[in-house]
């Protein structure tokens, strides 16, 4: 089970830190990812991290502004979002895959959280 939190309303240029708590004993073996879905749009990839944290990949739209990280001791993955823009508005989902590597396609993930809403005002 995945539980995302940390969303909210923020002005453009502001920051938010999303957290995703994962239950289960094998979290450290999972590749993890963050996706988002804007109103009326399809879900899109944001960032992904391998089981060890050694391999990270970002969507071009967030590169240099967002940072994904994980703490396997706390069964958690994080998304630090800085320099937020109105186009970052949407529901953010964390996802886990049974494989250890990272992935950018939603079909490659096995488990999904309920989402946390981020609204960036201009």
C-alpha atoms as a PDB file:
ATOM      1  CA  UNK A   1       0.000   0.000   0.000  1.00  0.00           C
ATOM      2  CA  UNK A   2       1.253   3.473  -0.916  1.00  0.00           C
ATOM      3  CA  UNK A   3       0.195   6.656   0.869  1.00  0.00           C
ATOM      4  CA  UNK A   4       1.125   9.983  -0.704  1.00  0.00           C
ATOM      5  CA  UNK A   5       1.016  13.258   1.192  1.00  0.00           C
ATOM      6  CA  UNK A   6       2.376  16.777   1.152  1.00  0.00           C
ATOM      7  CA  UNK A   7       0.310  18.386  -1.555  1.00  0.00           C
ATOM      8  CA  UNK A   8      -1.290  21.793  -1.218  1.00  0.00           C
ATOM      9  CA  UNK A   9      -1.707  25.250  -2.630  1.00  0.00           C
ATOM     10  CA  UNK A  10       1.421  27.272  -3.332  1.00  0.00           C
ATOM     11  CA  UNK A  11       2.297  30.374  -5.310  1.00  0.00           C
ATOM     12  CA  UNK A  12       4.415  30.193  -8.412  1.00  0.00           C
ATOM     13  CA  UNK A  13       8.074  30.008  -7.482  1.00  0.00           C
ATOM     14  CA  UNK A  14       7.321  28.249  -4.221  1.00  0.00           C
ATOM     15  CA  UNK A  15       8.216  24.794  -2.985  1.00  0.00           C
ATOM     16  CA  UNK A  16       6.512  21.655  -1.770  1.00  0.00           C
ATOM     17  CA  UNK A  17       7.822  18.318  -0.579  1.00  0.00           C
ATOM     18  CA  UNK A  18       5.753  15.262  -1.348  1.00  0.00           C
ATOM     19  CA  UNK A  19       6.154  12.068   0.626  1.00  0.00           C
ATOM     20  CA  UNK A  20       5.069   8.543  -0.148  1.00  0.00           C
ATOM     21  CA  UNK A  21       5.009   5.955   2.603  1.00  0.00           C
ATOM     22  CA  UNK A  22       5.072   2.352   1.451  1.00  0.00           C
ATOM     23  CA  UNK A  23       3.921  -0.538   3.566  1.00  0.00           C
ATOM     24  CA  UNK A  24       5.457  -3.956   3.158  1.00  0.00           C
ATOM     25  CA  UNK A  25       8.785  -5.599   3.879  1.00  0.00           C
ATOM     26  CA  UNK A  26      10.234  -5.452   0.389  1.00  0.00           C
ATOM     27  CA  UNK A  27      10.182  -1.706  -0.293  1.00  0.00           C
ATOM     28  CA  UNK A  28      13.949  -1.586  -0.627  1.00  0.00           C
ATOM     29  CA  UNK A  29      13.676  -3.915  -3.619  1.00  0.00           C
ATOM     30  CA  UNK A  30      11.226  -1.703  -5.504  1.00  0.00           C
ATOM     31  CA  UNK A  31      11.889   0.847  -8.166  1.00  0.00           C
ATOM     32  CA  UNK A  32       9.761   3.916  -7.428  1.00  0.00           C
ATOM     33  CA  UNK A  33       8.268   6.707  -9.470  1.00  0.00           C
ATOM     34  CA  UNK A  34       6.189   9.850  -9.336  1.00  0.00           C
ATOM     35  CA  UNK A  35       3.564  10.687 -11.921  1.00  0.00           C
ATOM     36  CA  UNK A  36       1.084  13.520 -12.194  1.00  0.00           C
ATOM     37  CA  UNK A  37      -2.223  14.173 -13.860  1.00  0.00           C
ATOM     38  CA  UNK A  38      -3.477  17.639 -14.668  1.00  0.00           C
ATOM     39  CA  UNK A  39      -7.221  18.279 -15.054  1.00  0.00           C
ATOM     40  CA  UNK A  40      -8.384  16.949 -18.395  1.00  0.00           C
ATOM     41  CA  UNK A  41      -4.990  15.509 -19.207  1.00  0.00           C
ATOM     42  CA  UNK A  42      -3.458  12.062 -19.204  1.00  0.00           C
ATOM     43  CA  UNK A  43      -1.191  10.921 -16.430  1.00  0.00           C
ATOM     44  CA  UNK A  44       2.439  11.769 -17.147  1.00  0.00           C
ATOM     45  CA  UNK A  45       5.790  10.707 -15.834  1.00  0.00           C
ATOM     46  CA  UNK A  46       7.632  13.041 -13.455  1.00  0.00           C
ATOM     47  CA  UNK A  47      10.564  11.209 -11.855  1.00  0.00           C
ATOM     48  CA  UNK A  48      11.842   7.749 -11.026  1.00  0.00           C
ATOM     49  CA  UNK A  49      14.470   6.234  -8.749  1.00  0.00           C
ATOM     50  CA  UNK A  50      16.020   2.785  -8.583  1.00  0.00           C
ATOM     51  CA  UNK A  51      15.971   0.628  -5.481  1.00  0.00           C
ATOM     52  CA  UNK A  52      19.344   1.854  -4.265  1.00  0.00           C
ATOM     53  CA  UNK A  53      18.840   5.469  -5.277  1.00  0.00           C
ATOM     54  CA  UNK A  54      21.805   5.212  -7.609  1.00  0.00           C
ATOM     55  CA  UNK A  55      19.800   5.713 -10.767  1.00  0.00           C
ATOM     56  CA  UNK A  56      17.433   8.649 -11.159  1.00  0.00           C
ATOM     57  CA  UNK A  57      15.618  10.029 -14.165  1.00  0.00           C
ATOM     58  CA  UNK A  58      13.420  13.105 -14.605  1.00  0.00           C
ATOM     59  CA  UNK A  59      10.978  14.358 -17.149  1.00  0.00           C
ATOM     60  CA  UNK A  60      12.442  17.279 -19.067  1.00  0.00           C
ATOM     61  CA  UNK A  61       9.696  19.543 -17.758  1.00  0.00           C
ATOM     62  CA  UNK A  62      10.864  19.193 -14.149  1.00  0.00           C
ATOM     63  CA  UNK A  63      14.597  18.641 -14.559  1.00  0.00           C
ATOM     64  CA  UNK A  64      16.582  21.057 -12.440  1.00  0.00           C
ATOM     65  CA  UNK A  65      13.565  21.952 -10.286  1.00  0.00           C
ATOM     66  CA  UNK A  66      12.426  18.653  -8.766  1.00  0.00           C
ATOM     67  CA  UNK A  67      14.458  16.154  -6.766  1.00  0.00           C
ATOM     68  CA  UNK A  68      13.425  12.576  -6.088  1.00  0.00           C
ATOM     69  CA  UNK A  69      14.935  10.674  -3.172  1.00  0.00           C
ATOM     70  CA  UNK A  70      14.210   7.694  -0.994  1.00  0.00           C
ATOM     71  CA  UNK A  71      14.894   6.423   2.499  1.00  0.00           C
ATOM     72  CA  UNK A  72      14.683   2.647   2.546  1.00  0.00           C
ATOM     73  CA  UNK A  73      14.939   2.568   6.327  1.00  0.00           C
ATOM     74  CA  UNK A  74      11.720   4.574   6.480  1.00  0.00           C
ATOM     75  CA  UNK A  75      10.027   2.852   3.535  1.00  0.00           C
ATOM     76  CA  UNK A  76       9.527   6.236   1.946  1.00  0.00           C
ATOM     77  CA  UNK A  77      10.148   8.098  -1.271  1.00  0.00           C
ATOM     78  CA  UNK A  78      10.097  11.870  -1.617  1.00  0.00           C
ATOM     79  CA  UNK A  79       9.686  14.498  -4.280  1.00  0.00           C
ATOM     80  CA  UNK A  80      11.140  17.913  -3.488  1.00  0.00           C
ATOM     81  CA  UNK A  81       9.563  20.444  -5.826  1.00  0.00           C
ATOM     82  CA  UNK A  82      11.164  23.857  -6.123  1.00  0.00           C
ATOM     83  CA  UNK A  83      10.494  26.685  -8.510  1.00  0.00           C
ATOM     84  CA  UNK A  84       6.928  25.543  -8.976  1.00  0.00           C
ATOM     85  CA  UNK A  85       4.995  26.754 -11.995  1.00  0.00           C
ATOM     86  CA  UNK A  86       1.246  26.848 -12.665  1.00  0.00           C
ATOM     87  CA  UNK A  87       1.724  24.052 -15.199  1.00  0.00           C
ATOM     88  CA  UNK A  88       2.890  21.790 -12.361  1.00  0.00           C
ATOM     89  CA  UNK A  89      -0.678  21.781 -11.043  1.00  0.00           C
ATOM     90  CA  UNK A  90      -2.254  18.351 -10.820  1.00  0.00           C
ATOM     91  CA  UNK A  91      -2.690  15.245  -8.750  1.00  0.00           C
ATOM     92  CA  UNK A  92       0.627  13.594  -7.977  1.00  0.00           C
ATOM     93  CA  UNK A  93       0.838   9.831  -7.648  1.00  0.00           C
ATOM     94  CA  UNK A  94       3.614   7.687  -6.303  1.00  0.00           C
ATOM     95  CA  UNK A  95       4.066   4.243  -7.779  1.00  0.00           C
ATOM     96  CA  UNK A  96       6.122   1.142  -7.045  1.00  0.00           C
ATOM     97  CA  UNK A  97       7.354  -1.634  -9.262  1.00  0.00           C
ATOM     98  CA  UNK A  98       8.491  -5.072  -8.171  1.00  0.00           C
ATOM     99  CA  UNK A  99      11.664  -4.731 -10.206  1.00  0.00           C
ATOM    100  CA  UNK A 100      14.619  -2.834  -8.761  1.00  0.00           C
ATOM    101  CA  UNK A 101      15.288  -0.534 -11.693  1.00  0.00           C
ATOM    102  CA  UNK A 102      13.660   2.704 -12.666  1.00  0.00           C
ATOM    103  CA  UNK A 103      10.967   3.116 -15.306  1.00  0.00           C
ATOM    104  CA  UNK A 104       9.208   6.006 -17.028  1.00  0.00           C
ATOM    105  CA  UNK A 105       6.044   4.293 -18.267  1.00  0.00           C
ATOM    106  CA  UNK A 106       3.061   3.847 -15.983  1.00  0.00           C
ATOM    107  CA  UNK A 107       2.439   0.323 -17.287  1.00  0.00           C
ATOM    108  CA  UNK A 108       5.743  -0.730 -15.741  1.00  0.00           C
ATOM    109  CA  UNK A 109       4.462  -0.050 -12.225  1.00  0.00           C
ATOM    110  CA  UNK A 110       2.563  -2.551 -10.123  1.00  0.00           C
ATOM    111  CA  UNK A 111       1.262  -0.487  -7.205  1.00  0.00           C
ATOM    112  CA  UNK A 112      -0.166   3.023  -7.008  1.00  0.00           C
ATOM    113  CA  UNK A 113      -0.980   5.440  -4.237  1.00  0.00           C
ATOM    114  CA  UNK A 114      -4.165   7.472  -4.030  1.00  0.00           C
ATOM    115  CA  UNK A 115      -2.591  10.747  -5.119  1.00  0.00           C
ATOM    116  CA  UNK A 116      -2.034  14.112  -3.484  1.00  0.00           C
ATOM    117  CA  UNK A 117      -3.197  17.339  -5.074  1.00  0.00           C
ATOM    118  CA  UNK A 118      -0.825  20.169  -5.934  1.00  0.00           C
ATOM    119  CA  UNK A 119      -2.118  23.562  -7.018  1.00  0.00           C
ATOM    120  CA  UNK A 120       0.251  26.302  -8.119  1.00  0.00           C
ATOM    121  CA  UNK A 121      -1.247  29.759  -8.453  1.00  0.00           C
ATOM    122  CA  UNK A 122       0.195  32.387 -10.742  1.00  0.00           C
END
